[in-house]
Every structure is written in structure tokens, then in C-alpha cells.
PDB file of N, CA and C in Angstrom:
ATOM      1  N   MET A   1      49.944  -9.948  65.662  1.00  0.00           N
ATOM      2  CA  MET A   1      50.584  -8.679  65.836  1.00  0.00           C
ATOM      3  C   MET A   1      49.770  -7.854  66.816  1.00  0.00           C
ATOM      4  N   GLY A   2      50.467  -7.288  67.820  1.00  0.00           N
ATOM      5  CA  GLY A   2      49.772  -6.492  68.810  1.00  0.00           C
ATOM      6  C   GLY A   2      49.655  -5.034  68.378  1.00  0.00           C
ATOM      7  N   ARG A   3      48.579  -4.453  68.796  1.00  0.00           N
ATOM      8  CA  ARG A   3      48.375  -3.026  68.492  1.00  0.00           C
ATOM      9  C   ARG A   3      48.607  -2.209  69.750  1.00  0.00           C
ATOM     10  N   ASN A   4      49.244  -1.104  69.582  1.00  0.00           N
ATOM     11  CA  ASN A   4      49.466  -0.206  70.697  1.00  0.00           C
ATOM     12  C   ASN A   4      48.371   0.851  70.646  1.00  0.00           C
ATOM     13  N   GLN A   5      47.489   0.800  71.613  1.00  0.00           N
ATOM     14  CA  GLN A   5      46.368   1.725  71.619  1.00  0.00           C
ATOM     15  C   GLN A   5      46.433   2.581  72.885  1.00  0.00           C
ATOM     16  N   GLU A   6      46.310   3.877  72.722  1.00  0.00           N
ATOM     17  CA  GLU A   6      46.340   4.786  73.868  1.00  0.00           C
ATOM     18  C   GLU A   6      44.939   5.242  74.186  1.00  0.00           C
ATOM     19  N   GLU A   7      44.714   5.424  75.479  1.00  0.00           N
ATOM     20  CA  GLU A   7      43.429   5.946  75.914  1.00  0.00           C
ATOM     21  C   GLU A   7      43.613   7.386  76.361  1.00  0.00           C
ATOM     22  N   GLU A   8      42.601   8.185  76.115  1.00  0.00           N
ATOM     23  CA  GLU A   8      42.639   9.574  76.539  1.00  0.00           C
ATOM     24  C   GLU A   8      42.406   9.643  78.049  1.00  0.00           C
ATOM     25  N   GLN A   9      43.229  10.444  78.715  1.00  0.00           N
ATOM     26  CA  GLN A   9      43.080  10.607  80.156  1.00  0.00           C
ATOM     27  C   GLN A   9      43.031  12.088  80.483  1.00  0.00           C
ATOM     28  N   THR A  10      42.309  12.400  81.517  1.00  0.00           N
ATOM     29  CA  THR A  10      42.180  13.778  81.954  1.00  0.00           C
ATOM     30  C   THR A  10      42.657  13.888  83.389  1.00  0.00           C
ATOM     31  N   CYS A  11      43.467  14.902  83.644  1.00  0.00           N
ATOM     32  CA  CYS A  11      43.931  15.185  85.001  1.00  0.00           C
ATOM     33  C   CYS A  11      43.499  16.596  85.372  1.00  0.00           C
ATOM     34  N   ILE A  12      43.041  16.756  86.575  1.00  0.00           N
ATOM     35  CA  ILE A  12      42.661  18.073  87.066  1.00  0.00           C
ATOM     36  C   ILE A  12      43.667  18.483  88.130  1.00  0.00           C
ATOM     37  N   PHE A  13      44.230  19.663  87.963  1.00  0.00           N
ATOM     38  CA  PHE A  13      45.194  20.195  88.905  1.00  0.00           C
ATOM     39  C   PHE A  13      44.571  21.388  89.623  1.00  0.00           C
ATOM     40  N   THR A  14      44.755  21.444  90.892  1.00  0.00           N
ATOM     41  CA  THR A  14      44.314  22.592  91.669  1.00  0.00           C
ATOM     42  C   THR A  14      45.556  23.311  92.168  1.00  0.00           C
ATOM     43  N   ILE A  15      45.673  24.566  91.796  1.00  0.00           N
ATOM     44  CA  ILE A  15      46.817  25.361  92.212  1.00  0.00           C
ATOM     45  C   ILE A  15      46.387  26.181  93.422  1.00  0.00           C
ATOM     46  N   ILE A  16      47.114  25.995  94.509  1.00  0.00           N
ATOM     47  CA  ILE A  16      46.787  26.748  95.713  1.00  0.00           C
ATOM     48  C   ILE A  16      47.854  27.806  95.941  1.00  0.00           C
ATOM     49  N   TYR A  17      47.419  28.973  96.385  1.00  0.00           N
ATOM     50  CA  TYR A  17      48.344  30.070  96.620  1.00  0.00           C
ATOM     51  C   TYR A  17      47.712  31.044  97.609  1.00  0.00           C
ATOM     52  N   PRO A  18      48.527  31.794  98.324  1.00  0.00           N
ATOM     53  CA  PRO A  18      47.990  32.815  99.215  1.00  0.00           C
ATOM     54  C   PRO A  18      47.534  34.034  98.423  1.00  0.00           C
ATOM     55  N   ARG A  19      46.600  34.778  98.971  1.00  0.00           N
ATOM     56  CA  ARG A  19      46.128  36.014  98.347  1.00  0.00           C
ATOM     57  C   ARG A  19      45.735  36.970  99.469  1.00  0.00           C
ATOM     58  N   LEU A  20      46.271  38.163  99.450  1.00  0.00           N
ATOM     59  CA  LEU A  20      46.050  39.118 100.525  1.00  0.00           C
ATOM     60  C   LEU A  20      44.971  40.126 100.153  1.00  0.00           C
ATOM     61  N   GLU A  21      44.209  40.542 101.176  1.00  0.00           N
ATOM     62  CA  GLU A  21      43.172  41.543 100.995  1.00  0.00           C
ATOM     63  C   GLU A  21      43.214  42.501 102.182  1.00  0.00           C
ATOM     64  N   ILE A  22      43.109  43.791 101.888  1.00  0.00           N
ATOM     65  CA  ILE A  22      43.024  44.803 102.933  1.00  0.00           C
ATOM     66  C   ILE A  22      41.544  44.989 103.243  1.00  0.00           C
ATOM     67  N   GLY A  23      41.187  44.817 104.508  1.00  0.00           N
ATOM     68  CA  GLY A  23      39.796  44.971 104.929  1.00  0.00           C
ATOM     69  C   GLY A  23      39.515  46.391 105.383  1.00  0.00           C
ATOM     70  N   ASP A  24      38.727  46.509 106.443  1.00  0.00           N
ATOM     71  CA  ASP A  24      38.345  47.816 106.968  1.00  0.00           C
ATOM     72  C   ASP A  24      39.559  48.589 107.478  1.00  0.00           C
ATOM     73  N   ILE A  25      39.559  49.876 107.174  1.00  0.00           N
ATOM     74  CA  ILE A  25      40.540  50.802 107.734  1.00  0.00           C
ATOM     75  C   ILE A  25      39.762  51.693 108.688  1.00  0.00           C
ATOM     76  N   SER A  26      40.198  51.751 109.937  1.00  0.00           N
ATOM     77  CA  SER A  26      39.465  52.477 110.974  1.00  0.00           C
ATOM     78  C   SER A  26      40.349  53.528 111.623  1.00  0.00           C
ATOM     79  N   GLY A  27      39.704  54.611 112.038  1.00  0.00           N
ATOM     80  CA  GLY A  27      40.376  55.642 112.811  1.00  0.00           C
ATOM     81  C   GLY A  27      40.067  55.423 114.280  1.00  0.00           C
ATOM     82  N   GLY A  28      40.341  56.440 115.060  1.00  0.00           N
ATOM     83  CA  GLY A  28      40.061  56.355 116.484  1.00  0.00           C
ATOM     84  C   GLY A  28      40.918  57.347 117.237  1.00  0.00           C
ATOM     85  N   VAL A  29      41.042  57.106 118.519  1.00  0.00           N
ATOM     86  CA  VAL A  29      41.844  57.973 119.370  1.00  0.00           C
ATOM     87  C   VAL A  29      43.312  57.568 119.241  1.00  0.00           C
ATOM     88  N   LEU A  30      44.119  58.464 118.716  1.00  0.00           N
ATOM     89  CA  LEU A  30      45.562  58.291 118.568  1.00  0.00           C
ATOM     90  C   LEU A  30      45.992  57.175 117.617  1.00  0.00           C
ATOM     91  N   GLN A  31      45.096  56.648 116.771  1.00  0.00           N
ATOM     92  CA  GLN A  31      45.525  55.529 115.928  1.00  0.00           C
ATOM     93  C   GLN A  31      44.716  55.363 114.655  1.00  0.00           C
ATOM     94  N   VAL A  32      45.341  54.632 113.731  1.00  0.00           N
ATOM     95  CA  VAL A  32      44.687  54.108 112.531  1.00  0.00           C
ATOM     96  C   VAL A  32      44.943  52.608 112.547  1.00  0.00           C
ATOM     97  N   SER A  33      43.899  51.805 112.289  1.00  0.00           N
ATOM     98  CA  SER A  33      44.078  50.353 112.234  1.00  0.00           C
ATOM     99  C   SER A  33      43.471  49.816 110.950  1.00  0.00           C
ATOM    100  N   SER A  34      43.938  48.633 110.569  1.00  0.00           N
ATOM    101  CA  SER A  34      43.435  47.993 109.356  1.00  0.00           C
ATOM    102  C   SER A  34      43.498  46.484 109.497  1.00  0.00           C
ATOM    103  N   GLU A  35      42.586  45.814 108.816  1.00  0.00           N
ATOM    104  CA  GLU A  35      42.583  44.356 108.771  1.00  0.00           C
ATOM    105  C   GLU A  35      43.305  43.889 107.514  1.00  0.00           C
ATOM    106  N   ILE A  36      44.115  42.849 107.669  1.00  0.00           N
ATOM    107  CA  ILE A  36      44.750  42.187 106.530  1.00  0.00           C
ATOM    108  C   ILE A  36      44.330  40.730 106.594  1.00  0.00           C
ATOM    109  N   THR A  37      43.735  40.225 105.513  1.00  0.00           N
ATOM    110  CA  THR A  37      43.207  38.866 105.475  1.00  0.00           C
ATOM    111  C   THR A  37      43.854  38.076 104.345  1.00  0.00           C
ATOM    112  N   ASN A  38      44.148  36.806 104.621  1.00  0.00           N
ATOM    113  CA  ASN A  38      44.613  35.889 103.581  1.00  0.00           C
ATOM    114  C   ASN A  38      43.372  35.200 103.017  1.00  0.00           C
ATOM    115  N   ILE A  39      42.951  35.612 101.824  1.00  0.00           N
ATOM    116  CA  ILE A  39      41.758  35.019 101.211  1.00  0.00           C
ATOM    117  C   ILE A  39      42.122  33.897 100.236  1.00  0.00           C
ATOM    118  N   GLY A  40      43.392  33.496 100.248  1.00  0.00           N
ATOM    119  CA  GLY A  40      43.862  32.420  99.366  1.00  0.00           C
ATOM    120  C   GLY A  40      43.720  31.057 100.011  1.00  0.00           C
ATOM    121  N   ASP A  41      44.400  30.072  99.422  1.00  0.00           N
ATOM    122  CA  ASP A  41      44.292  28.677  99.850  1.00  0.00           C
ATOM    123  C   ASP A  41      45.553  28.147 100.519  1.00  0.00           C
ATOM    124  N   ALA A  42      46.590  28.973 100.627  1.00  0.00           N
ATOM    125  CA  ALA A  42      47.859  28.536 101.215  1.00  0.00           C
ATOM    126  C   ALA A  42      48.352  29.600 102.193  1.00  0.00           C
ATOM    127  N   ASP A  43      49.250  29.207 103.076  1.00  0.00           N
ATOM    128  CA  ASP A  43      49.832  30.140 104.036  1.00  0.00           C
ATOM    129  C   ASP A  43      50.581  31.253 103.319  1.00  0.00           C
ATOM    130  N   ALA A  44      50.455  32.483 103.844  1.00  0.00           N
ATOM    131  CA  ALA A  44      51.272  33.609 103.386  1.00  0.00           C
ATOM    132  C   ALA A  44      52.347  33.816 104.449  1.00  0.00           C
ATOM    133  N   SER A  45      53.601  33.770 104.041  1.00  0.00           N
ATOM    134  CA  SER A  45      54.713  33.900 104.980  1.00  0.00           C
ATOM    135  C   SER A  45      55.386  35.257 104.845  1.00  0.00           C
ATOM    136  N   ASP A  46      55.858  35.766 105.967  1.00  0.00           N
ATOM    137  CA  ASP A  46      56.580  37.037 106.009  1.00  0.00           C
ATOM    138  C   ASP A  46      55.806  38.146 105.299  1.00  0.00           C
ATOM    139  N   VAL A  47      54.587  38.364 105.750  1.00  0.00           N
ATOM    140  CA  VAL A  47      53.725  39.393 105.169  1.00  0.00           C
ATOM    141  C   VAL A  47      54.188  40.755 105.685  1.00  0.00           C
ATOM    142  N   GLU A  48      54.706  41.581 104.787  1.00  0.00           N
ATOM    143  CA  GLU A  48      55.155  42.919 105.143  1.00  0.00           C
ATOM    144  C   GLU A  48      54.012  43.893 104.916  1.00  0.00           C
ATOM    145  N   TRP A  49      53.716  44.712 105.926  1.00  0.00           N
ATOM    146  CA  TRP A  49      52.610  45.657 105.836  1.00  0.00           C
ATOM    147  C   TRP A  49      53.096  47.058 106.184  1.00  0.00           C
ATOM    148  N   SER A  50      52.352  48.047 105.690  1.00  0.00           N
ATOM    149  CA  SER A  50      52.635  49.430 106.057  1.00  0.00           C
ATOM    150  C   SER A  50      51.334  50.228 106.059  1.00  0.00           C
ATOM    151  N   ILE A  51      51.288  51.219 106.943  1.00  0.00           N
ATOM    152  CA  ILE A  51      50.203  52.193 106.976  1.00  0.00           C
ATOM    153  C   ILE A  51      50.867  53.560 106.845  1.00  0.00           C
ATOM    154  N   SER A  52      50.553  54.274 105.774  1.00  0.00           N
ATOM    155  CA  SER A  52      51.116  55.605 105.527  1.00  0.00           C
ATOM    156  C   SER A  52      50.004  56.635 105.580  1.00  0.00           C
ATOM    157  N   ILE A  53      50.306  57.782 106.172  1.00  0.00           N
ATOM    158  CA  ILE A  53      49.351  58.878 106.243  1.00  0.00           C
ATOM    159  C   ILE A  53      49.997  60.084 105.571  1.00  0.00           C
ATOM    160  N   ASP A  54      49.365  60.572 104.499  1.00  0.00           N
ATOM    161  CA  ASP A  54      49.887  61.703 103.737  1.00  0.00           C
ATOM    162  C   ASP A  54      48.932  62.884 103.859  1.00  0.00           C
ATOM    163  N   GLY A  55      49.487  64.074 103.903  1.00  0.00           N
ATOM    164  CA  GLY A  55      48.688  65.291 103.967  1.00  0.00           C
ATOM    165  C   GLY A  55      48.618  65.835 105.379  1.00  0.00           C
ATOM    166  N   GLY A  56      47.898  66.930 105.530  1.00  0.00           N
ATOM    167  CA  GLY A  56      47.735  67.540 106.836  1.00  0.00           C
ATOM    168  C   GLY A  56      49.065  67.933 107.454  1.00  0.00           C
ATOM    169  N   ILE A  57      49.004  68.281 108.720  1.00  0.00           N
ATOM    170  CA  ILE A  57      50.203  68.575 109.500  1.00  0.00           C
ATOM    171  C   ILE A  57      50.307  67.477 110.547  1.00  0.00           C
ATOM    172  N   LEU A  58      51.248  66.556 110.363  1.00  0.00           N
ATOM    173  CA  LEU A  58      51.370  65.426 111.278  1.00  0.00           C
ATOM    174  C   LEU A  58      52.587  65.589 112.179  1.00  0.00           C
ATOM    175  N   ILE A  59      52.354  65.456 113.461  1.00  0.00           N
ATOM    176  CA  ILE A  59      53.435  65.506 114.447  1.00  0.00           C
ATOM    177  C   ILE A  59      53.979  64.098 114.675  1.00  0.00           C
ATOM    178  N   ALA A  60      53.098  63.119 114.665  1.00  0.00           N
ATOM    179  CA  ALA A  60      53.495  61.717 114.867  1.00  0.00           C
ATOM    180  C   ALA A  60      52.560  60.822 114.061  1.00  0.00           C
ATOM    181  N   GLY A  61      53.067  59.638 113.663  1.00  0.00           N
ATOM    182  CA  GLY A  61      52.232  58.642 113.006  1.00  0.00           C
ATOM    183  C   GLY A  61      52.198  58.707 111.503  1.00  0.00           C
ATOM    184  N   LYS A  62      53.175  59.352 110.899  1.00  0.00           N
ATOM    185  CA  LYS A  62      53.182  59.455 109.437  1.00  0.00           C
ATOM    186  C   LYS A  62      53.262  58.082 108.764  1.00  0.00           C
ATOM    187  N   GLU A  63      53.988  57.145 109.373  1.00  0.00           N
ATOM    188  CA  GLU A  63      54.098  55.806 108.788  1.00  0.00           C
ATOM    189  C   GLU A  63      54.400  54.768 109.862  1.00  0.00           C
ATOM    190  N   ALA A  64      53.834  53.596 109.667  1.00  0.00           N
ATOM    191  CA  ALA A  64      54.132  52.440 110.513  1.00  0.00           C
ATOM    192  C   ALA A  64      54.266  51.237 109.597  1.00  0.00           C
ATOM    193  N   GLU A  65      55.115  50.294 109.985  1.00  0.00           N
ATOM    194  CA  GLU A  65      55.287  49.080 109.180  1.00  0.00           C
ATOM    195  C   GLU A  65      55.654  47.927 110.086  1.00  0.00           C
ATOM    196  N   GLY A  66      55.470  46.733 109.565  1.00  0.00           N
ATOM    197  CA  GLY A  66      55.811  45.551 110.341  1.00  0.00           C
ATOM    198  C   GLY A  66      55.724  44.303 109.484  1.00  0.00           C
ATOM    199  N   THR A  67      55.895  43.162 110.118  1.00  0.00           N
ATOM    200  CA  THR A  67      55.859  41.871 109.426  1.00  0.00           C
ATOM    201  C   THR A  67      54.997  40.901 110.210  1.00  0.00           C
ATOM    202  N   ILE A  68      54.114  40.230 109.507  1.00  0.00           N
ATOM    203  CA  ILE A  68      53.324  39.139 110.075  1.00  0.00           C
ATOM    204  C   ILE A  68      54.027  37.858 109.657  1.00  0.00           C
ATOM    205  N   THR A  69      54.481  37.063 110.614  1.00  0.00           N
ATOM    206  CA  THR A  69      55.280  35.873 110.304  1.00  0.00           C
ATOM    207  C   THR A  69      54.533  34.912 109.384  1.00  0.00           C
ATOM    208  N   THR A  70      53.328  34.518 109.769  1.00  0.00           N
ATOM    209  CA  THR A  70      52.519  33.607 108.950  1.00  0.00           C
ATOM    210  C   THR A  70      51.056  34.008 109.051  1.00  0.00           C
ATOM    211  N   LEU A  71      50.385  34.051 107.915  1.00  0.00           N
ATOM    212  CA  LEU A  71      48.957  34.322 107.860  1.00  0.00           C
ATOM    213  C   LEU A  71      48.314  33.154 107.122  1.00  0.00           C
ATOM    214  N   GLU A  72      47.612  32.310 107.880  1.00  0.00           N
ATOM    215  CA  GLU A  72      47.009  31.106 107.303  1.00  0.00           C
ATOM    216  C   GLU A  72      45.762  31.461 106.504  1.00  0.00           C
ATOM    217  N   PRO A  73      45.318  30.576 105.604  1.00  0.00           N
ATOM    218  CA  PRO A  73      44.120  30.840 104.807  1.00  0.00           C
ATOM    219  C   PRO A  73      42.918  31.146 105.704  1.00  0.00           C
ATOM    220  N   GLY A  74      42.237  32.243 105.396  1.00  0.00           N
ATOM    221  CA  GLY A  74      41.056  32.641 106.154  1.00  0.00           C
ATOM    222  C   GLY A  74      41.355  33.470 107.393  1.00  0.00           C
ATOM    223  N   ASP A  75      42.623  33.572 107.782  1.00  0.00           N
ATOM    224  CA  ASP A  75      42.975  34.339 108.985  1.00  0.00           C
ATOM    225  C   ASP A  75      43.067  35.830 108.678  1.00  0.00           C
ATOM    226  N   THR A  76      42.742  36.627 109.708  1.00  0.00           N
ATOM    227  CA  THR A  76      42.816  38.078 109.623  1.00  0.00           C
ATOM    228  C   THR A  76      43.695  38.590 110.755  1.00  0.00           C
ATOM    229  N   GLU A  77      44.541  39.544 110.438  1.00  0.00           N
ATOM    230  CA  GLU A  77      45.398  40.182 111.435  1.00  0.00           C
ATOM    231  C   GLU A  77      45.100  41.678 111.409  1.00  0.00           C
ATOM    232  N   VAL A  78      44.996  42.288 112.574  1.00  0.00           N
ATOM    233  CA  VAL A  78      44.791  43.731 112.668  1.00  0.00           C
ATOM    234  C   VAL A  78      46.145  44.395 112.903  1.00  0.00           C
ATOM    235  N   VAL A  79      46.466  45.383 112.067  1.00  0.00           N
ATOM    236  CA  VAL A  79      47.711  46.125 112.200  1.00  0.00           C
ATOM    237  C   VAL A  79      47.377  47.561 112.581  1.00  0.00           C
ATOM    238  N   ILE A  80      48.282  48.198 113.348  1.00  0.00           N
ATOM    239  CA  ILE A  80      47.976  49.500 113.927  1.00  0.00           C
ATOM    240  C   ILE A  80      49.139  50.476 113.727  1.00  0.00           C
ATOM    241  N   ASN A  81      48.777  51.711 113.399  1.00  0.00           N
ATOM    242  CA  ASN A  81      49.715  52.821 113.363  1.00  0.00           C
ATOM    243  C   ASN A  81      49.329  53.734 114.527  1.00  0.00           C
ATOM    244  N   LYS A  82      50.201  53.805 115.546  1.00  0.00           N
ATOM    245  CA  LYS A  82      49.923  54.700 116.670  1.00  0.00           C
ATOM    246  C   LYS A  82      51.228  55.125 117.319  1.00  0.00           C
ATOM    247  N   PRO A  83      51.298  56.248 117.933  1.00  0.00           N
ATOM    248  CA  PRO A  83      50.245  57.265 118.028  1.00  0.00           C
ATOM    249  C   PRO A  83      50.198  58.130 116.768  1.00  0.00           C
ATOM    250  N   VAL A  84      49.020  58.650 116.471  1.00  0.00           N
ATOM    251  CA  VAL A  84      48.823  59.583 115.370  1.00  0.00           C
ATOM    252  C   VAL A  84      48.379  60.912 115.979  1.00  0.00           C
ATOM    253  N   LEU A  85      49.135  61.964 115.697  1.00  0.00           N
ATOM    254  CA  LEU A  85      48.829  63.316 116.192  1.00  0.00           C
ATOM    255  C   LEU A  85      49.002  64.304 115.054  1.00  0.00           C
ATOM    256  N   GLY A  86      48.044  65.197 114.885  1.00  0.00           N
ATOM    257  CA  GLY A  86      48.182  66.202 113.851  1.00  0.00           C
ATOM    258  C   GLY A  86      46.894  66.940 113.606  1.00  0.00           C
ATOM    259  N   LEU A  87      46.822  67.564 112.437  1.00  0.00           N
ATOM    260  CA  LEU A  87      45.653  68.350 112.074  1.00  0.00           C
ATOM    261  C   LEU A  87      45.545  68.427 110.561  1.00  0.00           C
ATOM    262  N   GLY A  88      44.353  68.158 110.041  1.00  0.00           N
ATOM    263  CA  GLY A  88      44.092  68.351 108.622  1.00  0.00           C
ATOM    264  C   GLY A  88      43.598  67.108 107.897  1.00  0.00           C
ATOM    265  N   ARG A  89      43.237  67.355 106.624  1.00  0.00           N
ATOM    266  CA  ARG A  89      42.774  66.266 105.750  1.00  0.00           C
ATOM    267  C   ARG A  89      43.963  65.397 105.364  1.00  0.00           C
ATOM    268  N   VAL A  90      43.721  64.076 105.349  1.00  0.00           N
ATOM    269  CA  VAL A  90      44.796  63.140 105.048  1.00  0.00           C
ATOM    270  C   VAL A  90      44.313  62.033 104.120  1.00  0.00           C
ATOM    271  N   GLU A  91      45.264  61.365 103.527  1.00  0.00           N
ATOM    272  CA  GLU A  91      45.022  60.152 102.744  1.00  0.00           C
ATOM    273  C   GLU A  91      45.758  59.026 103.465  1.00  0.00           C
ATOM    274  N   ILE A  92      45.040  57.949 103.746  1.00  0.00           N
ATOM    275  CA  ILE A  92      45.611  56.816 104.471  1.00  0.00           C
ATOM    276  C   ILE A  92      45.757  55.661 103.492  1.00  0.00           C
ATOM    277  N   ILE A  93      46.986  55.153 103.385  1.00  0.00           N
ATOM    278  CA  ILE A  93      47.291  54.084 102.424  1.00  0.00           C
ATOM    279  C   ILE A  93      47.809  52.877 103.195  1.00  0.00           C
ATOM    280  N   VAL A  94      47.140  51.737 103.011  1.00  0.00           N
ATOM    281  CA  VAL A  94      47.564  50.488 103.652  1.00  0.00           C
ATOM    282  C   VAL A  94      48.009  49.528 102.559  1.00  0.00           C
ATOM    283  N   THR A  95      49.197  48.936 102.725  1.00  0.00           N
ATOM    284  CA  THR A  95      49.693  47.946 101.769  1.00  0.00           C
ATOM    285  C   THR A  95      50.149  46.696 102.513  1.00  0.00           C
ATOM    286  N   ALA A  96      50.037  45.569 101.819  1.00  0.00           N
ATOM    287  CA  ALA A  96      50.523  44.294 102.349  1.00  0.00           C
ATOM    288  C   ALA A  96      51.072  43.485 101.185  1.00  0.00           C
ATOM    289  N   SER A  97      52.222  42.831 101.431  1.00  0.00           N
ATOM    290  CA  SER A  97      52.823  42.002 100.393  1.00  0.00           C
ATOM    291  C   SER A  97      53.599  40.867 101.044  1.00  0.00           C
ATOM    292  N   ALA A  98      53.797  39.820 100.277  1.00  0.00           N
ATOM    293  CA  ALA A  98      54.577  38.667 100.740  1.00  0.00           C
ATOM    294  C   ALA A  98      55.255  38.059  99.514  1.00  0.00           C
ATOM    295  N   ASP A  99      56.183  37.135  99.759  1.00  0.00           N
ATOM    296  CA  ASP A  99      56.874  36.471  98.655  1.00  0.00           C
ATOM    297  C   ASP A  99      55.871  35.759  97.758  1.00  0.00           C
ATOM    298  N   ASP A 100      56.014  35.960  96.457  1.00  0.00           N
ATOM    299  CA  ASP A 100      55.181  35.294  95.449  1.00  0.00           C
ATOM    300  C   ASP A 100      53.693  35.586  95.608  1.00  0.00           C
ATOM    301  N   VAL A 101      53.360  36.754  96.202  1.00  0.00           N
ATOM    302  CA  VAL A 101      51.961  37.153  96.380  1.00  0.00           C
ATOM    303  C   VAL A 101      51.805  38.568  95.825  1.00  0.00           C
ATOM    304  N   GLU A 102      50.724  38.778  95.095  1.00  0.00           N
ATOM    305  CA  GLU A 102      50.453  40.103  94.561  1.00  0.00           C
ATOM    306  C   GLU A 102      50.194  41.083  95.702  1.00  0.00           C
ATOM    307  N   GLU A 103      50.785  42.283  95.603  1.00  0.00           N
ATOM    308  CA  GLU A 103      50.619  43.293  96.647  1.00  0.00           C
ATOM    309  C   GLU A 103      49.167  43.748  96.716  1.00  0.00           C
ATOM    310  N   ALA A 104      48.662  43.924  97.938  1.00  0.00           N
ATOM    311  CA  ALA A 104      47.316  44.447  98.161  1.00  0.00           C
ATOM    312  C   ALA A 104      47.454  45.865  98.697  1.00  0.00           C
ATOM    313  N   THR A 105      46.638  46.779  98.174  1.00  0.00           N
ATOM    314  CA  THR A 105      46.671  48.180  98.596  1.00  0.00           C
ATOM    315  C   THR A 105      45.243  48.700  98.709  1.00  0.00           C
ATOM    316  N   LYS A 106      45.024  49.526  99.732  1.00  0.00           N
ATOM    317  CA  LYS A 106      43.726  50.187  99.883  1.00  0.00           C
ATOM    318  C   LYS A 106      43.989  51.595 100.402  1.00  0.00           C
ATOM    319  N   THR A 107      43.247  52.570  99.854  1.00  0.00           N
ATOM    320  CA  THR A 107      43.408  53.965 100.213  1.00  0.00           C
ATOM    321  C   THR A 107      42.064  54.537 100.643  1.00  0.00           C
ATOM    322  N   VAL A 108      42.060  55.299 101.741  1.00  0.00           N
ATOM    323  CA  VAL A 108      40.860  55.996 102.200  1.00  0.00           C
ATOM    324  C   VAL A 108      41.235  57.423 102.566  1.00  0.00           C
ATOM    325  N   ASP A 109      40.247  58.307 102.557  1.00  0.00           N
ATOM    326  CA  ASP A 109      40.444  59.679 102.986  1.00  0.00           C
ATOM    327  C   ASP A 109      40.047  59.803 104.446  1.00  0.00           C
ATOM    328  N   GLY A 110      40.682  60.739 105.136  1.00  0.00           N
ATOM    329  CA  GLY A 110      40.367  60.941 106.536  1.00  0.00           C
ATOM    330  C   GLY A 110      40.683  62.347 106.979  1.00  0.00           C
ATOM    331  N   PHE A 111      40.488  62.569 108.269  1.00  0.00           N
ATOM    332  CA  PHE A 111      40.777  63.858 108.871  1.00  0.00           C
ATOM    333  C   PHE A 111      41.390  63.606 110.236  1.00  0.00           C
ATOM    334  N   VAL A 112      42.502  64.277 110.492  1.00  0.00           N
ATOM    335  CA  VAL A 112      43.145  64.173 111.809  1.00  0.00           C
ATOM    336  C   VAL A 112      42.844  65.473 112.550  1.00  0.00           C
ATOM    337  N   PHE A 113      42.248  65.341 113.724  1.00  0.00           N
ATOM    338  CA  PHE A 113      41.949  66.489 114.571  1.00  0.00           C
ATOM    339  C   PHE A 113      42.645  66.277 115.907  1.00  0.00           C
ATOM    340  N   PHE A 114      43.846  66.760 115.992  1.00  0.00           N
ATOM    341  CA  PHE A 114      44.740  66.574 117.137  1.00  0.00           C
ATOM    342  C   PHE A 114      44.999  65.081 117.369  1.00  0.00           C
ATOM    343  N   PHE A 115      44.299  64.434 118.297  1.00  0.00           N
ATOM    344  CA  PHE A 115      44.544  63.013 118.527  1.00  0.00           C
ATOM    345  C   PHE A 115      43.384  62.133 118.077  1.00  0.00           C
ATOM    346  N   PHE A 116      42.404  62.686 117.388  1.00  0.00           N
ATOM    347  CA  PHE A 116      41.311  61.899 116.805  1.00  0.00           C
ATOM    348  C   PHE A 116      41.576  61.700 115.315  1.00  0.00           C
ATOM    349  N   VAL A 117      41.395  60.465 114.842  1.00  0.00           N
ATOM    350  CA  VAL A 117      41.498  60.179 113.405  1.00  0.00           C
ATOM    351  C   VAL A 117      40.122  59.730 112.939  1.00  0.00           C
ATOM    352  N   ILE A 118      39.585  60.453 111.963  1.00  0.00           N
ATOM    353  CA  ILE A 118      38.239  60.181 111.453  1.00  0.00           C
ATOM    354  C   ILE A 118      38.358  59.772 109.982  1.00  0.00           C
ATOM    355  N   ILE A 119      37.770  58.630 109.642  1.00  0.00           N
ATOM    356  CA  ILE A 119      37.746  58.181 108.239  1.00  0.00           C
ATOM    357  C   ILE A 119      36.520  58.805 107.598  1.00  0.00           C
ATOM    358  N   THR A 120      36.736  59.482 106.443  1.00  0.00           N
ATOM    359  CA  THR A 120      35.613  60.169 105.794  1.00  0.00           C
ATOM    360  C   THR A 120      35.095  59.400 104.610  1.00  0.00           C
TER     361      THR A 120
END
């Protein structure tokens, strides 16, 4: 009579997925820029980003948005809101999101002095 004997087996699964991170947010002459990096292990597709500026008196540059077609693992893309014109203390909010990826958001304080944007 034969015996049916099972052996224990172990399988290791690695789940790869994209993950977005907002890097440095910089001011400058007539603009605000920010880095968006894919710190995950898979491509991020159709990455929608926005840069919003709240507060102060803004003549131009209150919001900018766009789409990055593909952001490969380890790649960084710089996005820009320009022109920015105004006066006063502001809050700058950068967001990035893609399908099946957790939204990334970063907020910094700044000051707009006519066409100069200073991050405080």
C-alpha cells in the first residue's frame, strides 16, 4: 500500500508597484517648480500633477497642472508653474497621483514679491 506524503514548500512573492514622492519645491523668477520621483519598483503611468498657490494677491500662477505619460522607477521629472505674479504670503501645494498609486502631496510656505517667489 502506497502512502501519500506531502512536503512543505515555501514560495516567496515580490510585489512590485509604483510609488510617487514629491521632492524639492523651489521658487525663483516668475515660477514655482517641483520634483516628482517614482520611488517604487514599477512604471507609473499617466501621472497627474498640480501646483496650487493659495493666499496673497495673485495676478497669475494660482494653479498649474499636467500629466507625465510614464515615470519609470528611479526617474524624476521637474514640473513648473509659470508665470507667477503677485504679492504676499502664500502656501504652495504640490500633488501627484496615478492609477493604483497612493497620492503624494507636499506643502511649503512662501512669499511672492511681484515676480519673485521665495520659499520660506
